[in-house]
Amino acid sequence: MHKLGVITTLLGLILSAVGLIVGFWEMLRGSGNAQVWLSLVPLGFVGLMLGVVLTQLSDRK
């Protein structure tokens, strides 16, 4: 369960970072896809929090 938590944390962090960077870049360019990219940020945050919870609840010693 610890390994799953670490993987989920990293994926959530990457998803949030990519969503922010690409979303704001698309918004500055005036593209309509900015909303799609920025909507990845809350999903990444949920993945990040889920990964942290899974990591903390694991019995790794």
PDB file of N, CA and C in Angstrom:
ATOM      1  N   MET A   1       0.826  -1.183   0.000  1.00  0.00           N
ATOM      2  CA  MET A   1       0.000   0.000   0.000  1.00  0.00           C
ATOM      3  C   MET A   1       0.878   1.257   0.000  1.00  0.00           C
ATOM      4  N   HIS A   2       2.056   1.145   0.576  1.00  0.00           N
ATOM      5  CA  HIS A   2       2.968   2.284   0.609  1.00  0.00           C
ATOM      6  C   HIS A   2       3.410   2.669  -0.803  1.00  0.00           C
ATOM      7  N   LYS A   3       3.742   1.661  -1.602  1.00  0.00           N
ATOM      8  CA  LYS A   3       4.201   1.928  -2.965  1.00  0.00           C
ATOM      9  C   LYS A   3       3.091   2.580  -3.798  1.00  0.00           C
ATOM     10  N   LEU A   4       1.857   2.122  -3.622  1.00  0.00           N
ATOM     11  CA  LEU A   4       0.719   2.723  -4.322  1.00  0.00           C
ATOM     12  C   LEU A   4       0.536   4.180  -3.898  1.00  0.00           C
ATOM     13  N   GLY A   5       0.724   4.456  -2.614  1.00  0.00           N
ATOM     14  CA  GLY A   5       0.618   5.832  -2.129  1.00  0.00           C
ATOM     15  C   GLY A   5       1.675   6.741  -2.711  1.00  0.00           C
ATOM     16  N   VAL A   6       2.889   6.241  -2.816  1.00  0.00           N
ATOM     17  CA  VAL A   6       3.975   7.042  -3.388  1.00  0.00           C
ATOM     18  C   VAL A   6       3.709   7.316  -4.865  1.00  0.00           C
ATOM     19  N   ILE A   7       3.265   6.301  -5.586  1.00  0.00           N
ATOM     20  CA  ILE A   7       2.978   6.473  -7.012  1.00  0.00           C
ATOM     21  C   ILE A   7       1.823   7.452  -7.206  1.00  0.00           C
ATOM     22  N   THR A   8       0.771   7.326  -6.405  1.00  0.00           N
ATOM     23  CA  THR A   8      -0.377   8.225  -6.516  1.00  0.00           C
ATOM     24  C   THR A   8       0.018   9.659  -6.164  1.00  0.00           C
ATOM     25  N   THR A   9       0.861   9.820  -5.178  1.00  0.00           N
ATOM     26  CA  THR A   9       1.336  11.157  -4.811  1.00  0.00           C
ATOM     27  C   THR A   9       2.113  11.796  -5.955  1.00  0.00           C
ATOM     28  N   LEU A  10       3.007  11.041  -6.545  1.00  0.00           N
ATOM     29  CA  LEU A  10       3.799  11.582  -7.653  1.00  0.00           C
ATOM     30  C   LEU A  10       2.929  11.901  -8.869  1.00  0.00           C
ATOM     31  N   LEU A  11       1.981  11.020  -9.188  1.00  0.00           N
ATOM     32  CA  LEU A  11       1.087  11.285 -10.312  1.00  0.00           C
ATOM     33  C   LEU A  11       0.220  12.518 -10.064  1.00  0.00           C
ATOM     34  N   GLY A  12      -0.259  12.675  -8.841  1.00  0.00           N
ATOM     35  CA  GLY A  12      -1.056  13.852  -8.506  1.00  0.00           C
ATOM     36  C   GLY A  12      -0.247  15.127  -8.604  1.00  0.00           C
ATOM     37  N   LEU A  13       0.979  15.068  -8.156  1.00  0.00           N
ATOM     38  CA  LEU A  13       1.858  16.241  -8.236  1.00  0.00           C
ATOM     39  C   LEU A  13       2.159  16.605  -9.688  1.00  0.00           C
ATOM     40  N   ILE A  14       2.440  15.611 -10.502  1.00  0.00           N
ATOM     41  CA  ILE A  14       2.717  15.851 -11.914  1.00  0.00           C
ATOM     42  C   ILE A  14       1.478  16.384 -12.623  1.00  0.00           C
ATOM     43  N   LEU A  15       0.316  15.805 -12.321  1.00  0.00           N
ATOM     44  CA  LEU A  15      -0.930  16.248 -12.959  1.00  0.00           C
ATOM     45  C   LEU A  15      -1.243  17.696 -12.604  1.00  0.00           C
ATOM     46  N   SER A  16      -1.047  18.064 -11.350  1.00  0.00           N
ATOM     47  CA  SER A  16      -1.294  19.448 -10.941  1.00  0.00           C
ATOM     48  C   SER A  16      -0.320  20.418 -11.606  1.00  0.00           C
ATOM     49  N   ALA A  17       0.941  20.056 -11.636  1.00  0.00           N
ATOM     50  CA  ALA A  17       1.951  20.942 -12.226  1.00  0.00           C
ATOM     51  C   ALA A  17       1.722  21.124 -13.726  1.00  0.00           C
ATOM     52  N   VAL A  18       1.442  20.030 -14.422  1.00  0.00           N
ATOM     53  CA  VAL A  18       1.212  20.120 -15.862  1.00  0.00           C
ATOM     54  C   VAL A  18      -0.057  20.923 -16.145  1.00  0.00           C
ATOM     55  N   GLY A  19      -1.092  20.689 -15.356  1.00  0.00           N
ATOM     56  CA  GLY A  19      -2.336  21.431 -15.545  1.00  0.00           C
ATOM     57  C   GLY A  19      -2.148  22.925 -15.351  1.00  0.00           C
ATOM     58  N   LEU A  20      -1.395  23.304 -14.337  1.00  0.00           N
ATOM     59  CA  LEU A  20      -1.141  24.729 -14.094  1.00  0.00           C
ATOM     60  C   LEU A  20      -0.299  25.362 -15.191  1.00  0.00           C
ATOM     61  N   ILE A  21       0.789  24.719 -15.532  1.00  0.00           N
ATOM     62  CA  ILE A  21       1.714  25.301 -16.502  1.00  0.00           C
ATOM     63  C   ILE A  21       1.071  25.411 -17.880  1.00  0.00           C
ATOM     64  N   VAL A  22       0.524  24.295 -18.364  1.00  0.00           N
ATOM     65  CA  VAL A  22      -0.069  24.312 -19.704  1.00  0.00           C
ATOM     66  C   VAL A  22      -1.347  25.142 -19.721  1.00  0.00           C
ATOM     67  N   GLY A  23      -2.131  25.082 -18.653  1.00  0.00           N
ATOM     68  CA  GLY A  23      -3.369  25.848 -18.603  1.00  0.00           C
ATOM     69  C   GLY A  23      -3.138  27.343 -18.670  1.00  0.00           C
ATOM     70  N   PHE A  24      -2.179  27.831 -17.904  1.00  0.00           N
ATOM     71  CA  PHE A  24      -1.898  29.266 -17.955  1.00  0.00           C
ATOM     72  C   PHE A  24      -1.232  29.659 -19.263  1.00  0.00           C
ATOM     73  N   TRP A  25      -0.422  28.771 -19.820  1.00  0.00           N
ATOM     74  CA  TRP A  25       0.188  29.063 -21.114  1.00  0.00           C
ATOM     75  C   TRP A  25      -0.894  29.185 -22.189  1.00  0.00           C
ATOM     76  N   GLU A  26      -1.845  28.261 -22.182  1.00  0.00           N
ATOM     77  CA  GLU A  26      -2.943  28.321 -23.153  1.00  0.00           C
ATOM     78  C   GLU A  26      -3.828  29.551 -22.920  1.00  0.00           C
ATOM     79  N   MET A  27      -3.997  29.932 -21.668  1.00  0.00           N
ATOM     80  CA  MET A  27      -4.812  31.104 -21.364  1.00  0.00           C
ATOM     81  C   MET A  27      -4.121  32.376 -21.882  1.00  0.00           C
ATOM     82  N   LEU A  28      -2.822  32.459 -21.748  1.00  0.00           N
ATOM     83  CA  LEU A  28      -2.099  33.623 -22.259  1.00  0.00           C
ATOM     84  C   LEU A  28      -2.147  33.689 -23.774  1.00  0.00           C
ATOM     85  N   ARG A  29      -2.206  32.530 -24.418  1.00  0.00           N
ATOM     86  CA  ARG A  29      -2.309  32.491 -25.877  1.00  0.00           C
ATOM     87  C   ARG A  29      -3.721  32.758 -26.358  1.00  0.00           C
ATOM     88  N   GLY A  30      -4.701  32.700 -25.469  1.00  0.00           N
ATOM     89  CA  GLY A  30      -6.080  32.968 -25.851  1.00  0.00           C
ATOM     90  C   GLY A  30      -6.805  31.749 -26.397  1.00  0.00           C
ATOM     91  N   SER A  31      -6.291  30.576 -26.108  1.00  0.00           N
ATOM     92  CA  SER A  31      -6.905  29.347 -26.613  1.00  0.00           C
ATOM     93  C   SER A  31      -8.085  28.936 -25.739  1.00  0.00           C
ATOM     94  N   GLY A  32      -9.034  28.238 -26.330  1.00  0.00           N
ATOM     95  CA  GLY A  32     -10.193  27.766 -25.583  1.00  0.00           C
ATOM     96  C   GLY A  32      -9.917  26.512 -24.783  1.00  0.00           C
ATOM     97  N   ASN A  33      -8.757  25.888 -24.981  1.00  0.00           N
ATOM     98  CA  ASN A  33      -8.414  24.662 -24.265  1.00  0.00           C
ATOM     99  C   ASN A  33      -7.862  24.918 -22.871  1.00  0.00           C
ATOM    100  N   ALA A  34      -7.737  26.149 -22.481  1.00  0.00           N
ATOM    101  CA  ALA A  34      -7.155  26.461 -21.175  1.00  0.00           C
ATOM    102  C   ALA A  34      -8.010  25.895 -20.047  1.00  0.00           C
ATOM    103  N   GLN A  35      -9.307  25.933 -20.206  1.00  0.00           N
ATOM    104  CA  GLN A  35     -10.197  25.429 -19.161  1.00  0.00           C
ATOM    105  C   GLN A  35     -10.025  23.930 -18.962  1.00  0.00           C
ATOM    106  N   VAL A  36      -9.796  23.215 -20.037  1.00  0.00           N
ATOM    107  CA  VAL A  36      -9.591  21.765 -19.947  1.00  0.00           C
ATOM    108  C   VAL A  36      -8.323  21.464 -19.163  1.00  0.00           C
ATOM    109  N   TRP A  37      -7.258  22.178 -19.474  1.00  0.00           N
ATOM    110  CA  TRP A  37      -5.990  21.941 -18.786  1.00  0.00           C
ATOM    111  C   TRP A  37      -6.062  22.364 -17.318  1.00  0.00           C
ATOM    112  N   LEU A  38      -6.709  23.497 -17.052  1.00  0.00           N
ATOM    113  CA  LEU A  38      -6.817  23.953 -15.667  1.00  0.00           C
ATOM    114  C   LEU A  38      -7.736  23.062 -14.831  1.00  0.00           C
ATOM    115  N   SER A  39      -8.629  22.338 -15.486  1.00  0.00           N
ATOM    116  CA  SER A  39      -9.499  21.424 -14.731  1.00  0.00           C
ATOM    117  C   SER A  39      -8.748  20.189 -14.253  1.00  0.00           C
ATOM    118  N   LEU A  40      -7.540  19.975 -14.724  1.00  0.00           N
ATOM    119  CA  LEU A  40      -6.727  18.861 -14.239  1.00  0.00           C
ATOM    120  C   LEU A  40      -6.134  19.137 -12.858  1.00  0.00           C
ATOM    121  N   VAL A  41      -6.060  20.395 -12.481  1.00  0.00           N
ATOM    122  CA  VAL A  41      -5.439  20.766 -11.207  1.00  0.00           C
ATOM    123  C   VAL A  41      -6.204  20.187 -10.012  1.00  0.00           C
ATOM    124  N   PRO A  42      -7.542  20.317  -9.924  1.00  0.00           N
ATOM    125  CA  PRO A  42      -8.245  19.691  -8.788  1.00  0.00           C
ATOM    126  C   PRO A  42      -8.132  18.176  -8.779  1.00  0.00           C
ATOM    127  N   LEU A  43      -8.113  17.564  -9.953  1.00  0.00           N
ATOM    128  CA  LEU A  43      -7.944  16.108 -10.005  1.00  0.00           C
ATOM    129  C   LEU A  43      -6.555  15.704  -9.492  1.00  0.00           C
ATOM    130  N   GLY A  44      -5.559  16.476  -9.849  1.00  0.00           N
ATOM    131  CA  GLY A  44      -4.217  16.216  -9.343  1.00  0.00           C
ATOM    132  C   GLY A  44      -4.131  16.412  -7.843  1.00  0.00           C
ATOM    133  N   PHE A  45      -4.846  17.413  -7.336  1.00  0.00           N
ATOM    134  CA  PHE A  45      -4.853  17.652  -5.896  1.00  0.00           C
ATOM    135  C   PHE A  45      -5.505  16.488  -5.143  1.00  0.00           C
ATOM    136  N   VAL A  46      -6.588  15.963  -5.702  1.00  0.00           N
ATOM    137  CA  VAL A  46      -7.242  14.804  -5.084  1.00  0.00           C
ATOM    138  C   VAL A  46      -6.301  13.602  -5.094  1.00  0.00           C
ATOM    139  N   GLY A  47      -5.605  13.391  -6.216  1.00  0.00           N
ATOM    140  CA  GLY A  47      -4.633  12.306  -6.284  1.00  0.00           C
ATOM    141  C   GLY A  47      -3.494  12.496  -5.305  1.00  0.00           C
ATOM    142  N   LEU A  48      -3.058  13.724  -5.146  1.00  0.00           N
ATOM    143  CA  LEU A  48      -1.985  14.031  -4.202  1.00  0.00           C
ATOM    144  C   LEU A  48      -2.408  13.737  -2.768  1.00  0.00           C
ATOM    145  N   MET A  49      -3.603  14.156  -2.412  1.00  0.00           N
ATOM    146  CA  MET A  49      -4.085  13.907  -1.053  1.00  0.00           C
ATOM    147  C   MET A  49      -4.338  12.418  -0.809  1.00  0.00           C
ATOM    148  N   LEU A  50      -4.881  11.722  -1.803  1.00  0.00           N
ATOM    149  CA  LEU A  50      -5.102  10.285  -1.676  1.00  0.00           C
ATOM    150  C   LEU A  50      -3.785   9.545  -1.492  1.00  0.00           C
ATOM    151  N   GLY A  51      -2.775   9.949  -2.245  1.00  0.00           N
ATOM    152  CA  GLY A  51      -1.468   9.320  -2.117  1.00  0.00           C
ATOM    153  C   GLY A  51      -0.843   9.546  -0.751  1.00  0.00           C
ATOM    154  N   VAL A  52      -0.993  10.749  -0.218  1.00  0.00           N
ATOM    155  CA  VAL A  52      -0.445  11.042   1.112  1.00  0.00           C
ATOM    156  C   VAL A  52      -1.162  10.211   2.178  1.00  0.00           C
ATOM    157  N   VAL A  53      -2.480  10.097   2.050  1.00  0.00           N
ATOM    158  CA  VAL A  53      -3.255   9.314   3.028  1.00  0.00           C
ATOM    159  C   VAL A  53      -2.856   7.844   2.935  1.00  0.00           C
ATOM    160  N   LEU A  54      -2.755   7.312   1.727  1.00  0.00           N
ATOM    161  CA  LEU A  54      -2.353   5.912   1.571  1.00  0.00           C
ATOM    162  C   LEU A  54      -0.961   5.655   2.131  1.00  0.00           C
ATOM    163  N   THR A  55      -0.075   6.594   1.922  1.00  0.00           N
ATOM    164  CA  THR A  55       1.287   6.446   2.439  1.00  0.00           C
ATOM    165  C   THR A  55       1.296   6.472   3.960  1.00  0.00           C
ATOM    166  N   GLN A  56       0.521   7.344   4.559  1.00  0.00           N
ATOM    167  CA  GLN A  56       0.498   7.459   6.007  1.00  0.00           C
ATOM    168  C   GLN A  56      -0.210   6.276   6.681  1.00  0.00           C
ATOM    169  N   LEU A  57      -1.169   5.670   5.987  1.00  0.00           N
ATOM    170  CA  LEU A  57      -1.894   4.551   6.572  1.00  0.00           C
ATOM    171  C   LEU A  57      -1.217   3.206   6.379  1.00  0.00           C
ATOM    172  N   SER A  58      -0.137   3.165   5.593  1.00  0.00           N
ATOM    173  CA  SER A  58       0.521   1.889   5.348  1.00  0.00           C
ATOM    174  C   SER A  58       1.307   1.457   6.578  1.00  0.00           C
ATOM    175  N   ASP A  59       1.566   0.158   6.642  1.00  0.00           N
ATOM    176  CA  ASP A  59       2.290  -0.424   7.784  1.00  0.00           C
ATOM    177  C   ASP A  59       3.759  -0.636   7.466  1.00  0.00           C
ATOM    178  N   ARG A  60       4.356   0.236   6.714  1.00  0.00           N
ATOM    179  CA  ARG A  60       5.773   0.097   6.379  1.00  0.00           C
ATOM    180  C   ARG A  60       6.619   0.375   7.609  1.00  0.00           C
ATOM    181  N   LYS A  61       7.545  -0.537   7.879  1.00  0.00           N
ATOM    182  CA  LYS A  61       8.389  -0.394   9.078  1.00  0.00           C
ATOM    183  C   LYS A  61       9.846  -0.392   8.729  1.00  0.00           C
TER     184      LYS A  61
END
